[in-house]
């Protein structure tokens, strides 16, 4: 499926790929395969949450690449079960590939935000690269063996905090960084994408609590 300029296995892919995934509009008609595979996978694991199976699911993209999951779920509606799973896997991939940058955004967001998002997200303070990578794994783990809606809310809170942090860092860069003039725009764009992602995850959490996420 991939062309020469597409990202390749393992999970490494350039930042513009992340932006394009989050920025794209959902198709009008959903793939039945996406819904069937997501529902079957989640039901099977939650019925028998074998720790080794869960561990393999969490690290699946480390071995097979994010494109393996993208083929199945990336075109599903944002407000669907495969759409929710895809977005959490995508968030985990972003964190693992730029843990330093994401942790800086999270740390700044925690400093300037006046919401409870830091508590909801559950990352320690301070949160360095190792801590945000661990948080991403814990959130994905919660989808399979914990409260699905709570895991989505945690992911959304994390996205909002990093978005706030990126916006603040963009303001700093706009005022001081003349060496990298595109940096403020890049940070602002990423903040917008993460805000969109957070809104979609919250919507999925609400649907799950009403038993209406399929």
Protein backbone atom coordinates (compact mmCIF):
# COMPACT_ATOMS: atom_id res chain seq x y z
CA UNK A 1 0.00 0.00 0.00
CA UNK A 2 2.85 2.36 0.73
CA UNK A 3 4.62 4.57 -1.78
CA UNK A 4 8.32 5.36 -1.65
CA UNK A 5 7.84 8.45 0.50
CA UNK A 6 5.60 6.74 3.04
CA UNK A 7 6.82 5.85 6.49
CA UNK A 8 8.17 2.34 6.89
CA UNK A 9 8.37 -0.24 9.63
CA UNK A 10 9.19 -0.01 12.44
CA UNK A 11 7.18 2.92 13.72
CA UNK A 12 9.36 5.83 12.64
CA UNK A 13 7.64 8.34 10.39
CA UNK A 14 8.08 12.08 9.79
CA UNK A 15 6.01 14.67 11.70
CA UNK A 16 3.96 15.67 8.67
CA UNK A 17 2.53 12.14 8.61
CA UNK A 18 1.15 12.61 12.11
CA UNK A 19 -0.40 15.93 11.15
CA UNK A 20 -1.99 14.49 8.02
CA UNK A 21 -3.52 11.57 9.91
CA UNK A 22 -5.14 13.83 12.49
CA UNK A 23 -6.05 16.52 10.01
CA UNK A 24 -7.81 14.32 7.51
CA UNK A 25 -11.59 14.15 7.43
CA UNK A 26 -13.36 10.91 8.18
CA UNK A 27 -14.90 9.11 5.17
CA UNK A 28 -18.66 9.19 4.79
CA UNK A 29 -18.96 5.42 4.87
CA UNK A 30 -17.16 3.33 7.41
CA UNK A 31 -15.28 0.15 6.66
CA UNK A 32 -17.10 -2.84 8.07
CA UNK A 33 -13.80 -4.61 8.50
CA UNK A 34 -12.52 -1.83 10.77
CA UNK A 35 -15.51 -2.17 13.07
CA UNK A 36 -15.48 -5.96 13.08
CA UNK A 37 -11.78 -6.28 13.84
CA UNK A 38 -11.84 -3.62 16.56
CA UNK A 39 -14.89 -5.13 18.27
CA UNK A 40 -13.57 -8.69 18.04
CA UNK A 41 -10.13 -7.74 19.34
CA UNK A 42 -11.42 -5.74 22.26
CA UNK A 43 -14.04 -8.31 23.25
CA UNK A 44 -11.56 -11.18 23.14
CA UNK A 45 -8.92 -9.41 25.21
CA UNK A 46 -11.33 -8.04 27.79
CA UNK A 47 -12.89 -11.48 28.26
CA UNK A 48 -9.48 -13.06 28.88
CA UNK A 49 -6.90 -10.34 29.61
CA UNK A 50 -3.79 -12.49 29.41
CA UNK A 51 -0.90 -10.21 30.46
CA UNK A 52 1.35 -11.48 27.68
CA UNK A 53 -1.30 -10.85 25.03
CA UNK A 54 -1.97 -7.36 26.36
CA UNK A 55 1.76 -6.60 26.40
CA UNK A 56 2.06 -7.69 22.77
CA UNK A 57 -0.89 -5.49 21.79
CA UNK A 58 0.62 -2.48 23.54
CA UNK A 59 3.95 -2.90 21.76
CA UNK A 60 2.47 -4.08 18.46
CA UNK A 61 3.39 -0.97 16.50
CA UNK A 62 6.96 -1.09 17.80
CA UNK A 63 7.46 -4.28 15.81
CA UNK A 64 5.03 -3.93 12.93
CA UNK A 65 4.78 -0.17 12.45
CA UNK A 66 1.86 2.21 12.77
CA UNK A 67 0.99 1.59 9.10
CA UNK A 68 -0.16 -1.93 9.97
CA UNK A 69 -2.92 -0.47 12.15
CA UNK A 70 -3.52 2.47 9.83
CA UNK A 71 -4.61 0.08 7.09
CA UNK A 72 -7.36 -1.26 9.32
CA UNK A 73 -8.56 1.70 11.36
CA UNK A 74 -7.28 5.10 10.22
CA UNK A 75 -10.23 5.78 7.90
CA UNK A 76 -12.90 4.88 10.46
CA UNK A 77 -15.09 7.59 11.91
CA UNK A 78 -13.55 9.57 14.74
CA UNK A 79 -16.60 8.64 16.82
CA UNK A 80 -16.28 4.88 16.53
CA UNK A 81 -14.52 2.02 18.30
CA UNK A 82 -11.85 1.54 15.60
CA UNK A 83 -11.45 5.31 15.42
CA UNK A 84 -10.83 5.50 19.15
CA UNK A 85 -8.32 2.66 19.14
CA UNK A 86 -6.51 4.14 16.16
CA UNK A 87 -6.17 7.53 17.82
CA UNK A 88 -4.70 6.12 21.01
CA UNK A 89 -2.20 4.02 19.05
CA UNK A 90 -1.32 7.09 17.00
CA UNK A 91 -0.83 9.18 20.14
CA UNK A 92 1.43 6.50 21.61
CA UNK A 93 3.51 6.50 18.44
CA UNK A 94 3.92 10.27 18.52
CA UNK A 95 5.05 10.10 22.14
CA UNK A 96 7.56 7.33 21.51
CA UNK A 97 9.06 9.06 18.49
CA UNK A 98 9.37 12.49 20.09
CA UNK A 99 9.28 11.80 23.81
CA UNK A 100 11.58 14.73 24.54
CA UNK A 101 9.47 17.25 22.64
CA UNK A 102 6.18 15.90 23.97
CA UNK A 103 7.45 15.90 27.53
CA UNK A 104 8.49 19.55 27.16
CA UNK A 105 5.03 20.39 25.88
CA UNK A 106 3.39 18.45 28.70
CA UNK A 107 5.57 20.06 31.34
CA UNK A 108 4.84 23.56 30.06
CA UNK A 109 1.14 22.75 29.79
CA UNK A 110 1.08 21.55 33.39
CA UNK A 111 2.74 24.81 34.45
CA UNK A 112 0.35 27.17 32.68
CA UNK A 113 -2.92 25.22 32.69
CA UNK A 114 -5.50 25.91 35.39
CA UNK A 115 -7.59 22.78 34.82
CA UNK A 116 -7.67 19.31 36.36
CA UNK A 117 -6.19 17.77 33.21
CA UNK A 118 -2.91 17.01 34.93
CA UNK A 119 -4.73 14.95 37.55
CA UNK A 120 -6.87 13.19 34.95
CA UNK A 121 -3.92 12.38 32.69
CA UNK A 122 -2.04 10.87 35.62
CA UNK A 123 1.54 11.65 34.63
CA UNK A 124 3.98 12.34 37.47
CA UNK A 125 5.51 15.73 38.07
CA UNK A 126 7.94 16.43 36.58
CA UNK A 127 7.24 14.29 33.53
CA UNK A 128 10.30 13.61 31.40
CA UNK A 129 10.56 11.44 28.27
CA UNK A 130 10.50 8.17 30.21
CA UNK A 131 7.44 9.22 32.17
CA UNK A 132 5.39 10.23 29.13
CA UNK A 133 6.33 6.99 27.35
CA UNK A 134 5.19 5.02 30.38
CA UNK A 135 1.96 7.02 30.54
CA UNK A 136 1.20 6.23 26.89
CA UNK A 137 1.59 2.52 27.61
CA UNK A 138 -0.61 2.75 30.69
CA UNK A 139 -3.35 4.52 28.76
CA UNK A 140 -3.33 1.88 26.02
CA UNK A 141 -3.26 -0.84 28.69
CA UNK A 142 -6.38 0.71 30.21
CA UNK A 143 -8.26 0.35 26.93
CA UNK A 144 -7.82 -3.40 27.04
CA UNK A 145 -8.11 -4.26 30.72
CA UNK A 146 -9.46 -1.21 32.55
CA UNK A 147 -12.27 1.30 32.21
CA UNK A 148 -12.28 2.07 28.50
CA UNK A 149 -13.88 5.49 28.90
CA UNK A 150 -11.49 6.51 31.66
CA UNK A 151 -8.54 5.56 29.45
CA UNK A 152 -9.91 7.75 26.66
CA UNK A 153 -10.44 10.63 29.07
CA UNK A 154 -6.85 10.28 30.29
CA UNK A 155 -5.57 10.38 26.72
CA UNK A 156 -7.71 13.44 26.00
CA UNK A 157 -6.44 15.25 29.10
CA UNK A 158 -2.88 14.49 28.10
CA UNK A 159 -3.49 15.87 24.59
CA UNK A 160 -5.03 19.06 25.97
CA UNK A 161 -2.10 19.68 28.30
CA UNK A 162 0.48 19.15 25.57
CA UNK A 163 -1.54 21.40 23.25
CA UNK A 164 -1.57 24.17 25.86
CA UNK A 165 2.16 23.66 26.35
CA UNK A 166 2.89 23.83 22.62
CA UNK A 167 0.87 27.03 22.34
CA UNK A 168 2.86 28.59 25.16
CA UNK A 169 6.14 27.42 23.65
CA UNK A 170 5.05 28.83 20.29
CA UNK A 171 4.54 32.23 21.91
CA UNK A 172 8.04 32.06 23.36
CA UNK A 173 9.53 31.03 20.01
CA UNK A 174 7.66 33.75 18.18
CA UNK A 175 9.17 36.35 20.47
CA UNK A 176 12.71 35.02 20.68
CA UNK A 177 13.60 32.44 18.03
CA UNK A 178 14.76 34.13 14.85
CA UNK A 179 16.94 31.19 13.86
CA UNK A 180 13.94 28.88 13.29
CA UNK A 181 11.16 31.17 12.05
CA UNK A 182 8.84 28.24 11.20
CA UNK A 183 8.92 26.84 14.73
CA UNK A 184 5.98 28.88 16.11
CA UNK A 185 3.77 27.82 13.20
CA UNK A 186 4.75 24.17 13.62
CA UNK A 187 4.02 24.20 17.34
CA UNK A 188 0.71 25.98 16.83
CA UNK A 189 -0.35 23.49 14.16
CA UNK A 190 0.54 20.57 16.39
CA UNK A 191 -1.43 22.14 19.25
CA UNK A 192 -4.49 22.43 17.02
CA UNK A 193 -4.18 18.80 15.96
CA UNK A 194 -3.88 17.61 19.55
CA UNK A 195 -6.88 19.70 20.58
CA UNK A 196 -8.88 18.07 17.81
CA UNK A 197 -7.68 14.66 18.93
CA UNK A 198 -8.69 15.39 22.52
CA UNK A 199 -12.20 16.41 21.44
CA UNK A 200 -12.59 13.19 19.44
CA UNK A 201 -11.43 11.03 22.34
CA UNK A 202 -13.84 12.75 24.73
CA UNK A 203 -16.70 12.14 22.29
CA UNK A 204 -15.76 8.45 22.12
CA UNK A 205 -15.66 8.21 25.91
CA UNK A 206 -19.17 9.65 26.15
CA UNK A 207 -20.46 7.20 23.56
CA UNK A 208 -18.82 4.27 25.35
CA UNK A 209 -20.54 5.21 28.62
CA UNK A 210 -23.88 5.16 26.77
CA UNK A 211 -23.02 1.79 25.21
CA UNK A 212 -23.18 3.50 21.84
CA UNK A 213 -19.59 3.28 20.60
CA UNK A 214 -19.41 0.72 17.81
